[in-house]
Amino acid sequence: MGVEFERFSVAYLGDDGPLPPALDGIDLLVPDGQTVLLTGPSGCGKTTALRSINGLVPGFHEAQVSGRVLVDGFPVAQHTTAELASRVGYVFQDPRSEFFTFDVRSELAFPCENAGVEPDEIARRIDETAAAVGIEELLGRGLSKLSSGEKQKVAIGAALMPRPRILLFDEPSANLDTEGLAMLTEVIGSLKARGVTALVADHRLSYLDGVLDRAVIMDAGRIVADLGAEDIAAKDAQWFTDQGLRQLRPEAVESCPAAGPVPGDGLRISSAAFAYPGHDMLWRIDDLCLPARGVVGITGTNGCGKTTLVRVILGLLACRGARIRLGDADWPRRRRTRESAYVMQDVEYQLLGESVRAELLIGPEPGERTLRLADELLARMGLSALAGQHPLTLSGGQKQRLGIALACMKQAPVICLDEPTGGLDAGSMRALSELLRQVAADGALVLVITHDTEFAAETFDHVIRIDDHRMRLETVTTRTRPGAARTP
């Protein structure tokens, strides 16, 4: 019987009472076996809709609700937590928020152990699930040692283990490389073949091409469009841009090996090789020259060492023997830490202020120029209306934009961003692309770790590709501008 919303509204509770509605009287029916995408601008209510299906709203996230959500014909409000857990699986936006154990095998086993599944059956499911999501080699690893993309695969596997009839995915593509996206497409396709109902909240659409039944477009807590797969496939690139959506079939990044050193006295890394204690060499750099200004992407498969490279550049990790220069002078580790800027993938850990605007004013002298820059960045990132709100009340995409604005406030010569488009809608992604290119034009070198090919095609001047423990610098030969992607 699937999932049904009947005139359902949600208003989260603030210190002074209910906040504006996160969901505003929505009606939606998802029959058994359908794969449905929920998409729309950041903060439009996608995550709230998913949390309402498995009882996290209002059971865990306090809120005023009206109307009903039904799972298999029964109101969610009348289900116990155990009943919902056996019927509904959930992949969180931040996979770490759902981990209960310390290693991959135990994490996969955990939901089945709670449900009383026999040990032999659990072992069989672990082998089957690990093969399905491509984590066989990770089964003996500790969760804290995994990359973000590897953690995402484990979270997907753990959600599959109890064999739920309904599976909810919240931004499942955010941390996955190209191979991981192909795995995710295959997993959703296999769920569809087994008659499992899947609801996917995401901004990226391309990996769902061919497995999607419907796309539900939301804005300001309401459903503004409900389109079938054929309708979506027939839309041209300009339609997606006009709707503020990501492209269904985005351009790939086209690049070629850089012809000799890039111009300008920029960042130079030489004689560097990195290995974590007890592990083989992760990567080696003989001589890597980057421009003094520009936007440079860092790409490679999950676990290849992209974040490690950035942490070495920032001085957060020591790399014995490495020589790093900025311009014509050595750039020692302590200076790198002090003079560079970093936006973490889990940007929430960097937010300390009591309001969005106050966040940007931590540290620098609050003179007229500083205040003007803070207001300009808030406007550029679409956060002006939220300036007085507490940072931790923002949506995932809004927090990401605040973290980027925070890095830009520092006006550092090197700014590093780790998967900055996670949680960003199409409009925010394009605003970010334009902002980073402006920051680079103003004189900074911007290094960006990403698997987001649509963002990369619009943004990068050069790409560092990590492959087989080596790095090569390539020059981007074409750039897609907003609305210029190929027509399907």
Protein backbone atom coordinates (compact mmCIF):
# COMPACT_ATOMS: atom_id res chain seq x y z
CA MET A 1 0.00 0.00 0.00
CA GLY A 2 3.08 2.25 0.13
CA VAL A 3 3.24 5.70 1.70
CA GLU A 4 0.58 8.41 1.85
CA PHE A 5 0.55 11.99 3.16
CA GLU A 6 -2.88 13.46 3.90
CA ARG A 7 -2.95 17.25 4.35
CA PHE A 8 0.21 16.87 6.40
CA SER A 9 1.89 19.89 8.00
CA VAL A 10 4.96 20.19 10.23
CA ALA A 11 6.20 23.21 12.20
CA TYR A 12 9.35 22.65 14.26
CA LEU A 13 9.39 24.14 17.75
CA GLY A 14 11.71 27.04 18.57
CA ASP A 15 12.37 28.81 21.86
CA ASP A 16 9.41 31.11 21.28
CA GLY A 17 6.99 28.58 19.84
CA PRO A 18 6.44 27.02 16.41
CA LEU A 19 8.69 28.10 13.54
CA PRO A 20 7.29 28.68 10.02
CA PRO A 21 5.96 25.42 8.51
CA ALA A 22 8.56 23.02 7.15
CA LEU A 23 5.70 21.14 5.45
CA ASP A 24 2.49 22.94 4.62
CA GLY A 25 -0.53 20.71 4.03
CA ILE A 26 1.00 18.29 1.52
CA ASP A 27 -0.91 15.44 -0.13
CA LEU A 28 1.14 12.67 -1.73
CA LEU A 29 0.55 9.00 -2.54
CA VAL A 30 3.49 6.70 -3.30
CA PRO A 31 2.20 3.22 -4.25
CA ASP A 32 4.10 0.03 -3.47
CA GLY A 33 7.20 -0.49 -5.57
CA GLN A 34 7.57 3.05 -6.90
CA THR A 35 10.86 4.94 -6.89
CA VAL A 36 10.12 8.61 -6.23
CA LEU A 37 12.51 11.56 -6.12
CA LEU A 38 11.84 14.48 -3.78
CA THR A 39 13.77 17.51 -4.99
CA GLY A 40 13.74 21.28 -4.73
CA PRO A 41 15.65 24.15 -3.11
CA SER A 42 17.57 23.65 0.13
CA GLY A 43 15.16 23.89 3.06
CA CYS A 44 12.09 23.07 0.95
CA GLY A 45 10.99 20.22 3.24
CA LYS A 46 12.46 17.10 1.61
CA THR A 47 14.21 15.79 4.72
CA THR A 48 11.23 16.63 6.94
CA ALA A 49 8.99 14.57 4.64
CA LEU A 50 11.31 11.55 4.97
CA ARG A 51 11.59 11.92 8.75
CA SER A 52 7.80 11.99 9.00
CA ILE A 53 7.56 8.58 7.31
CA ASN A 54 9.71 6.78 9.88
CA GLY A 55 8.42 8.69 12.90
CA LEU A 56 11.52 10.80 13.61
CA VAL A 57 9.15 13.76 13.24
CA PRO A 58 7.69 14.38 15.77
CA GLY A 59 9.05 11.41 17.75
CA PHE A 60 12.65 12.68 17.88
CA HIS A 61 12.53 16.13 16.27
CA GLU A 62 9.92 18.03 18.29
CA ALA A 63 7.28 19.65 16.12
CA GLN A 64 3.64 20.54 15.81
CA VAL A 65 2.01 18.28 13.22
CA SER A 66 -1.41 18.10 11.62
CA GLY A 67 -2.83 15.71 9.07
CA ARG A 68 -1.59 12.13 8.71
CA VAL A 69 1.19 10.02 7.26
CA LEU A 70 0.28 6.41 6.50
CA VAL A 71 2.64 3.47 5.94
CA ASP A 72 0.96 0.42 4.41
CA GLY A 73 -2.40 1.97 5.27
CA PHE A 74 -1.70 2.51 8.98
CA PRO A 75 -1.02 5.95 10.51
CA VAL A 76 2.64 6.37 11.47
CA ALA A 77 1.49 7.86 14.78
CA GLN A 78 0.02 4.46 15.70
CA HIS A 79 3.18 2.48 14.90
CA THR A 80 5.74 1.61 17.56
CA THR A 81 9.39 2.37 16.87
CA ALA A 82 10.09 -1.35 16.42
CA GLU A 83 7.26 -1.74 13.90
CA LEU A 84 8.50 1.20 11.85
CA ALA A 85 12.10 -0.02 11.95
CA SER A 86 11.08 -3.38 10.50
CA ARG A 87 9.13 -1.75 7.67
CA VAL A 88 11.10 1.41 6.88
CA GLY A 89 14.85 1.74 6.27
CA TYR A 90 16.58 5.12 6.35
CA VAL A 91 19.90 6.37 4.94
CA PHE A 92 20.77 9.63 6.71
CA GLN A 93 22.28 12.69 5.06
CA ASP A 94 25.26 12.37 7.42
CA PRO A 95 26.07 8.64 7.63
CA ARG A 96 27.95 8.99 10.91
CA SER A 97 24.75 10.05 12.67
CA GLU A 98 23.38 6.52 12.23
CA PHE A 99 26.45 4.46 13.18
CA PHE A 100 26.20 2.48 16.42
CA THR A 101 29.35 0.32 16.31
CA PHE A 102 33.06 0.69 15.58
CA ASP A 103 33.69 -1.52 12.55
CA VAL A 104 32.01 -2.22 9.23
CA ARG A 105 30.98 -5.83 9.81
CA SER A 106 29.41 -5.04 13.19
CA GLU A 107 27.58 -2.05 11.73
CA LEU A 108 26.01 -4.19 9.01
CA ALA A 109 25.01 -6.82 11.55
CA PHE A 110 23.58 -4.40 14.11
CA PRO A 111 20.04 -3.82 12.71
CA CYS A 112 19.51 -7.55 12.15
CA GLU A 113 20.79 -8.45 15.62
CA ASN A 114 18.27 -6.01 17.09
CA ALA A 115 15.52 -7.69 15.07
CA GLY A 116 16.48 -11.18 16.31
CA VAL A 117 17.67 -12.54 12.95
CA GLU A 118 19.58 -15.84 13.22
CA PRO A 119 23.41 -15.49 13.16
CA ASP A 120 23.81 -17.70 10.07
CA GLU A 121 21.28 -15.57 8.19
CA ILE A 122 23.03 -12.38 9.33
CA ALA A 123 26.36 -13.69 8.01
CA ARG A 124 24.76 -14.56 4.68
CA ARG A 125 23.18 -11.12 4.39
CA ILE A 126 26.47 -9.39 5.24
CA ASP A 127 28.24 -11.17 2.38
CA GLU A 128 25.38 -10.46 -0.03
CA THR A 129 25.02 -6.80 0.98
CA ALA A 130 28.76 -6.09 1.00
CA ALA A 131 28.98 -7.39 -2.56
CA ALA A 132 25.96 -5.31 -3.63
CA VAL A 133 27.39 -2.01 -2.36
CA GLY A 134 31.06 -2.77 -3.09
CA ILE A 135 32.48 -2.87 0.44
CA GLU A 136 33.84 -6.44 0.66
CA GLU A 137 37.35 -5.09 1.26
CA LEU A 138 36.11 -2.82 4.05
CA LEU A 139 34.48 -5.49 6.24
CA GLY A 140 37.42 -5.68 8.64
CA ARG A 141 37.99 -1.91 8.80
CA GLY A 142 37.11 0.51 11.59
CA LEU A 143 34.45 3.07 10.71
CA SER A 144 36.63 5.97 11.86
CA LYS A 145 39.27 5.02 9.27
CA LEU A 146 36.93 5.24 6.28
CA SER A 147 36.57 8.09 3.83
CA SER A 148 33.23 9.90 3.64
CA GLY A 149 32.28 8.01 0.50
CA GLU A 150 33.14 4.67 2.09
CA LYS A 151 31.03 5.58 5.13
CA GLN A 152 28.15 6.40 2.80
CA LYS A 153 28.36 2.93 1.23
CA VAL A 154 28.35 1.30 4.68
CA ALA A 155 25.28 3.35 5.67
CA ILE A 156 23.45 2.21 2.54
CA GLY A 157 24.43 -1.39 3.25
CA ALA A 158 23.21 -1.18 6.86
CA ALA A 159 19.85 0.16 5.69
CA LEU A 160 19.51 -2.77 3.26
CA MET A 161 20.31 -5.47 5.85
CA PRO A 162 16.83 -5.79 7.49
CA ARG A 163 15.22 -6.10 4.02
CA PRO A 164 12.70 -3.26 4.56
CA ARG A 165 9.68 -2.83 2.30
CA ILE A 166 10.17 0.95 2.22
CA LEU A 167 13.59 2.60 1.95
CA LEU A 168 14.25 6.31 2.45
CA PHE A 169 17.43 7.94 1.10
CA ASP A 170 18.43 11.45 2.24
CA GLU A 171 21.07 12.90 -0.14
CA PRO A 172 22.61 9.44 -0.74
CA SER A 173 24.80 10.66 -3.61
CA ALA A 174 26.55 13.43 -1.68
CA ASN A 175 29.82 11.60 -0.93
CA LEU A 176 29.97 9.04 -3.74
CA ASP A 177 32.42 8.88 -6.64
CA THR A 178 31.44 7.78 -10.15
CA GLU A 179 31.70 4.09 -9.27
CA GLY A 180 29.69 4.68 -6.10
CA LEU A 181 26.94 6.42 -8.06
CA ALA A 182 26.78 3.48 -10.46
CA MET A 183 26.47 1.18 -7.43
CA LEU A 184 23.67 3.34 -6.02
CA THR A 185 21.80 3.24 -9.33
CA GLU A 186 22.12 -0.54 -9.40
CA VAL A 187 20.97 -0.89 -5.78
CA ILE A 188 17.89 1.27 -6.36
CA GLY A 189 17.16 -0.64 -9.56
CA SER A 190 17.36 -3.97 -7.72
CA LEU A 191 15.06 -2.65 -4.98
CA LYS A 192 12.60 -1.60 -7.66
CA ALA A 193 12.75 -5.07 -9.23
CA ARG A 194 11.91 -6.60 -5.81
CA GLY A 195 8.92 -4.29 -5.35
CA VAL A 196 10.51 -2.18 -2.62
CA THR A 197 9.21 1.39 -2.34
CA ALA A 198 12.03 3.96 -2.45
CA LEU A 199 11.83 7.68 -1.71
CA VAL A 200 14.99 9.63 -2.51
CA ALA A 201 15.55 13.22 -1.35
CA ASP A 202 18.36 14.67 -3.44
CA HIS A 203 19.49 17.59 -5.57
CA ARG A 204 21.49 15.43 -7.97
CA LEU A 205 19.30 13.67 -10.52
CA SER A 206 21.60 11.99 -13.02
CA TYR A 207 22.14 8.69 -11.18
CA LEU A 208 18.36 8.14 -11.08
CA ASP A 209 17.97 8.35 -14.86
CA GLY A 210 16.35 5.07 -15.91
CA VAL A 211 15.17 3.92 -12.46
CA LEU A 212 12.90 6.83 -11.52
CA ASP A 213 9.10 6.57 -11.65
CA ARG A 214 8.28 10.12 -10.53
CA ALA A 215 9.90 13.38 -9.51
CA VAL A 216 8.10 15.43 -6.86
CA ILE A 217 9.32 19.03 -6.85
CA MET A 218 8.94 20.94 -3.57
CA ASP A 219 9.31 24.56 -2.53
CA ALA A 220 8.65 26.25 0.82
CA GLY A 221 7.11 23.10 2.30
CA ARG A 222 4.67 22.54 -0.56
CA ILE A 223 4.54 20.26 -3.58
CA VAL A 224 4.69 22.42 -6.71
CA ALA A 225 4.97 19.67 -9.35
CA ASP A 226 4.61 15.88 -9.61
CA LEU A 227 6.05 14.58 -12.88
CA GLY A 228 6.35 11.10 -14.33
CA ALA A 229 9.67 9.69 -15.55
CA GLU A 230 8.77 10.25 -19.21
CA ASP A 231 7.86 13.88 -18.53
CA ILE A 232 11.18 14.47 -16.78
CA ALA A 233 13.19 12.75 -19.53
CA ALA A 234 11.53 14.92 -22.19
CA LYS A 235 12.57 18.21 -20.56
CA ASP A 236 15.48 20.12 -22.06
CA ALA A 237 18.44 21.52 -20.14
CA GLN A 238 17.00 25.03 -20.00
CA TRP A 239 13.86 23.75 -18.25
CA PHE A 240 15.94 22.27 -15.42
CA THR A 241 17.82 25.57 -15.10
CA ASP A 242 14.60 27.61 -15.10
CA GLN A 243 13.18 25.37 -12.35
CA GLY A 244 16.34 25.72 -10.26
CA LEU A 245 17.06 21.99 -10.58
CA ARG A 246 20.21 20.03 -11.29
CA GLN A 247 20.55 18.60 -14.79
CA LEU A 248 19.31 15.06 -15.48
CA ARG A 249 22.20 14.48 -17.90
CA PRO A 250 24.97 16.94 -16.99
CA GLU A 251 28.12 17.63 -18.98
CA ALA A 252 31.26 15.71 -18.07
CA VAL A 253 34.49 17.59 -17.33
CA GLU A 254 36.74 17.62 -20.37
CA SER A 255 40.42 18.12 -19.62
CA CYS A 256 43.88 17.34 -20.94
CA PRO A 257 47.29 16.97 -19.28
CA ALA A 258 48.75 20.34 -18.34
CA ALA A 259 51.43 21.32 -20.85
CA GLY A 260 54.34 21.98 -18.50
CA PRO A 261 54.17 24.03 -15.31
CA VAL A 262 51.11 26.21 -14.90
CA PRO A 263 51.81 29.95 -15.11
CA GLY A 264 52.35 32.06 -12.03
CA ASP A 265 54.26 31.70 -8.77
CA GLY A 266 51.69 29.58 -7.01
CA LEU A 267 51.70 26.54 -4.75
CA ARG A 268 54.41 23.94 -5.31
CA ILE A 269 54.63 20.54 -3.59
CA SER A 270 57.65 18.31 -4.07
CA SER A 271 59.21 15.14 -2.61
CA ALA A 272 56.02 14.19 -0.77
CA ALA A 273 54.81 10.68 0.03
CA PHE A 274 52.11 9.94 2.57
CA ALA A 275 51.13 6.76 4.41
CA TYR A 276 49.06 6.35 7.55
CA PRO A 277 50.76 4.25 10.27
CA GLY A 278 50.49 0.55 9.48
CA HIS A 279 49.23 1.13 5.93
CA ASP A 280 50.75 1.18 2.46
CA MET A 281 51.63 4.44 0.74
CA LEU A 282 48.48 6.42 -0.05
CA TRP A 283 50.02 8.72 -2.65
CA ARG A 284 53.30 10.18 -3.84
CA ILE A 285 54.12 13.61 -5.31
CA ASP A 286 57.43 14.18 -7.06
CA ASP A 287 56.68 17.72 -8.22
CA LEU A 288 53.24 19.35 -8.42
CA CYS A 289 52.92 23.00 -9.46
CA LEU A 290 49.63 24.87 -9.05
CA PRO A 291 48.74 28.40 -10.18
CA ALA A 292 48.78 31.38 -7.82
CA ARG A 293 45.10 31.94 -8.53
CA GLY A 294 42.30 29.86 -10.02
CA VAL A 295 39.91 27.07 -9.07
CA VAL A 296 41.52 23.62 -9.01
CA GLY A 297 39.50 20.45 -8.50
CA ILE A 298 40.82 17.38 -6.69
CA THR A 299 39.23 14.16 -7.93
CA GLY A 300 39.65 10.41 -7.54
CA THR A 301 37.88 7.38 -6.17
CA ASN A 302 36.60 7.17 -2.59
CA GLY A 303 39.53 6.51 -0.25
CA CYS A 304 42.30 7.56 -2.67
CA GLY A 305 43.59 10.34 -0.39
CA LYS A 306 41.94 13.56 -1.57
CA THR A 307 41.10 14.86 1.90
CA THR A 308 44.52 13.74 3.15
CA LEU A 309 46.20 15.85 0.44
CA VAL A 310 44.23 18.92 1.48
CA ARG A 311 45.04 18.36 5.16
CA VAL A 312 48.74 18.15 4.32
CA ILE A 313 48.53 21.40 2.34
CA LEU A 314 46.72 23.08 5.25
CA GLY A 315 49.32 21.87 7.75
CA LEU A 316 46.79 19.74 9.61
CA LEU A 317 48.78 16.58 8.83
CA ALA A 318 52.55 16.22 8.77
CA CYS A 319 54.13 14.73 5.65
CA ARG A 320 57.74 13.90 6.38
CA GLY A 321 60.18 15.06 3.70
CA ALA A 322 57.64 17.15 1.81
CA ARG A 323 58.62 20.62 0.64
CA ILE A 324 55.78 23.07 0.12
CA ARG A 325 56.34 26.55 -1.31
CA LEU A 326 53.98 29.46 -1.91
CA GLY A 327 55.31 31.88 -4.47
CA ASP A 328 59.08 32.08 -4.19
CA ALA A 329 59.31 31.18 -0.48
CA ASP A 330 58.95 28.08 1.65
CA TRP A 331 55.54 27.81 3.31
CA PRO A 332 56.13 25.98 6.61
CA ARG A 333 53.44 23.96 8.33
CA ARG A 334 52.53 26.45 11.08
CA ARG A 335 52.15 29.29 8.59
CA ARG A 336 50.01 27.12 6.33
CA THR A 337 47.64 26.39 9.20
CA ARG A 338 47.42 30.07 10.13
CA GLU A 339 47.22 31.60 6.65
CA SER A 340 44.95 29.17 4.75
CA ALA A 341 41.20 28.58 5.03
CA TYR A 342 39.28 25.29 5.14
CA VAL A 343 35.64 24.34 4.76
CA MET A 344 35.19 20.84 6.17
CA GLN A 345 32.81 18.32 4.69
CA ASP A 346 31.05 18.26 8.08
CA VAL A 347 30.81 22.03 8.26
CA GLU A 348 28.64 21.90 11.40
CA TYR A 349 31.80 21.37 13.46
CA GLN A 350 33.06 24.80 12.36
CA LEU A 351 29.97 26.79 13.31
CA LEU A 352 30.37 28.47 16.71
CA GLY A 353 28.44 31.75 16.55
CA GLU A 354 25.11 32.61 18.14
CA SER A 355 23.72 33.87 14.83
CA VAL A 356 24.53 33.51 11.15
CA ARG A 357 25.91 37.06 10.94
CA ALA A 358 27.84 36.72 14.21
CA GLU A 359 29.50 33.60 12.79
CA LEU A 360 31.23 35.68 10.12
CA LEU A 361 32.44 38.23 12.67
CA ILE A 362 34.28 35.78 14.96
CA GLY A 363 37.98 36.64 14.87
CA PRO A 364 38.36 39.70 12.62
CA GLU A 365 38.14 43.26 13.94
CA PRO A 366 34.51 44.32 13.39
CA GLY A 367 35.31 47.49 11.44
CA GLU A 368 33.18 49.00 8.69
CA ARG A 369 35.00 47.07 5.95
CA THR A 370 34.56 43.76 7.81
CA LEU A 371 30.86 44.37 8.38
CA ARG A 372 30.37 45.31 4.73
CA LEU A 373 32.18 42.16 3.55
CA ALA A 374 30.09 39.97 5.88
CA ASP A 375 26.84 41.44 4.56
CA GLU A 376 28.02 41.10 0.96
CA LEU A 377 28.87 37.41 1.44
CA LEU A 378 25.54 36.70 3.16
CA ALA A 379 23.75 38.28 0.20
CA ARG A 380 25.82 36.33 -2.33
CA MET A 381 25.07 33.03 -0.60
CA GLY A 382 21.36 33.77 -0.13
CA LEU A 383 21.60 33.95 3.66
CA SER A 384 20.68 37.58 4.35
CA ALA A 385 17.17 36.70 5.50
CA LEU A 386 18.66 34.20 7.98
CA ALA A 387 21.29 36.57 9.42
CA GLY A 388 19.73 36.54 12.91
CA GLN A 389 19.04 32.80 13.02
CA HIS A 390 21.23 30.34 14.96
CA PRO A 391 23.58 28.49 12.56
CA LEU A 392 22.59 25.05 13.83
CA THR A 393 18.94 25.64 12.89
CA LEU A 394 19.85 25.97 9.19
CA SER A 395 19.29 23.22 6.63
CA GLY A 396 22.30 21.19 5.47
CA GLY A 397 22.70 23.26 2.31
CA GLN A 398 22.38 26.54 4.20
CA LYS A 399 25.07 25.46 6.70
CA GLN A 400 27.35 24.60 3.79
CA ARG A 401 26.90 28.06 2.27
CA LEU A 402 27.63 29.67 5.64
CA GLY A 403 30.86 27.68 5.94
CA ILE A 404 31.96 28.86 2.50
CA ALA A 405 31.18 32.47 3.40
CA LEU A 406 33.24 31.98 6.58
CA ALA A 407 36.26 30.85 4.54
CA CYS A 408 35.90 33.80 2.19
CA MET A 409 35.91 36.18 5.17
CA LYS A 410 39.49 35.13 5.93
CA GLN A 411 40.70 36.29 2.49
CA ALA A 412 43.46 33.67 2.58
CA PRO A 413 45.81 33.01 -0.38
CA VAL A 414 44.77 29.33 -0.40
CA ILE A 415 41.20 28.20 0.36
CA CYS A 416 40.33 24.48 0.50
CA LEU A 417 36.82 23.06 0.34
CA ASP A 418 35.90 19.41 0.93
CA GLU A 419 32.79 18.34 -1.05
CA PRO A 420 31.20 21.81 -0.82
CA THR A 421 28.14 20.98 -2.95
CA GLY A 422 26.71 18.37 -0.59
CA GLY A 423 23.20 19.56 0.24
CA LEU A 424 23.26 22.41 -2.32
CA ASP A 425 20.42 22.89 -4.75
CA ALA A 426 21.06 23.96 -8.35
CA GLY A 427 20.76 27.68 -7.69
CA SER A 428 23.09 27.54 -4.69
CA MET A 429 25.55 25.37 -6.64
CA ARG A 430 25.73 27.95 -9.42
CA ALA A 431 26.02 30.79 -6.93
CA LEU A 432 28.88 28.90 -5.29
CA SER A 433 30.56 28.36 -8.66
CA GLU A 434 30.38 32.07 -9.45
CA LEU A 435 31.55 33.01 -5.95
CA LEU A 436 34.59 30.70 -6.07
CA ARG A 437 35.57 32.02 -9.50
CA GLN A 438 35.29 35.57 -8.16
CA VAL A 439 37.41 34.66 -5.12
CA ALA A 440 40.01 33.20 -7.49
CA ALA A 441 39.88 36.30 -9.70
CA ASP A 442 40.56 38.39 -6.60
CA GLY A 443 43.85 36.51 -6.15
CA ALA A 444 43.25 33.25 -4.26
CA LEU A 445 44.01 29.65 -5.14
CA VAL A 446 40.84 27.66 -4.45
CA LEU A 447 41.22 23.88 -4.06
CA VAL A 448 37.99 21.87 -4.20
CA ILE A 449 37.51 18.17 -3.47
CA THR A 450 34.44 16.95 -5.31
CA HIS A 451 32.73 14.10 -7.12
CA ASP A 452 30.11 16.50 -8.46
CA THR A 453 30.70 16.49 -12.22
CA GLU A 454 28.04 19.12 -12.91
CA PHE A 455 29.69 21.55 -10.50
CA ALA A 456 33.17 20.67 -11.80
CA ALA A 457 32.21 21.36 -15.41
CA GLU A 458 31.00 24.84 -14.48
CA THR A 459 33.81 25.80 -12.14
CA PHE A 460 37.31 24.35 -12.55
CA ASP A 461 40.33 25.75 -14.38
CA HIS A 462 42.50 22.72 -13.58
CA VAL A 463 41.97 19.27 -12.09
CA ILE A 464 44.31 17.19 -9.91
CA ARG A 465 43.49 13.55 -10.59
CA ILE A 466 44.67 10.99 -8.02
CA ASP A 467 45.04 7.60 -9.65
CA ASP A 468 47.18 4.59 -8.73
CA HIS A 469 48.84 6.52 -5.85
CA ARG A 470 50.04 9.25 -8.23
CA MET A 471 48.80 12.72 -9.07
CA ARG A 472 48.55 14.46 -12.40
CA LEU A 473 47.48 18.01 -13.12
CA GLU A 474 45.12 18.54 -16.04
CA THR A 475 43.77 21.70 -17.64
CA VAL A 476 40.00 21.96 -18.15
CA THR A 477 39.39 22.49 -21.87
CA THR A 478 35.64 23.25 -21.76
CA ARG A 479 33.41 24.85 -19.18
CA THR A 480 29.63 24.57 -19.01
CA ARG A 481 27.83 27.73 -18.04
CA PRO A 482 24.40 27.66 -16.38
CA GLY A 483 21.74 26.53 -18.80
CA ALA A 484 24.26 25.39 -21.39
CA ALA A 485 24.29 21.65 -20.70
CA ARG A 486 23.37 19.34 -23.53
CA THR A 487 19.74 18.74 -24.23
CA PRO A 488 18.72 15.15 -23.38
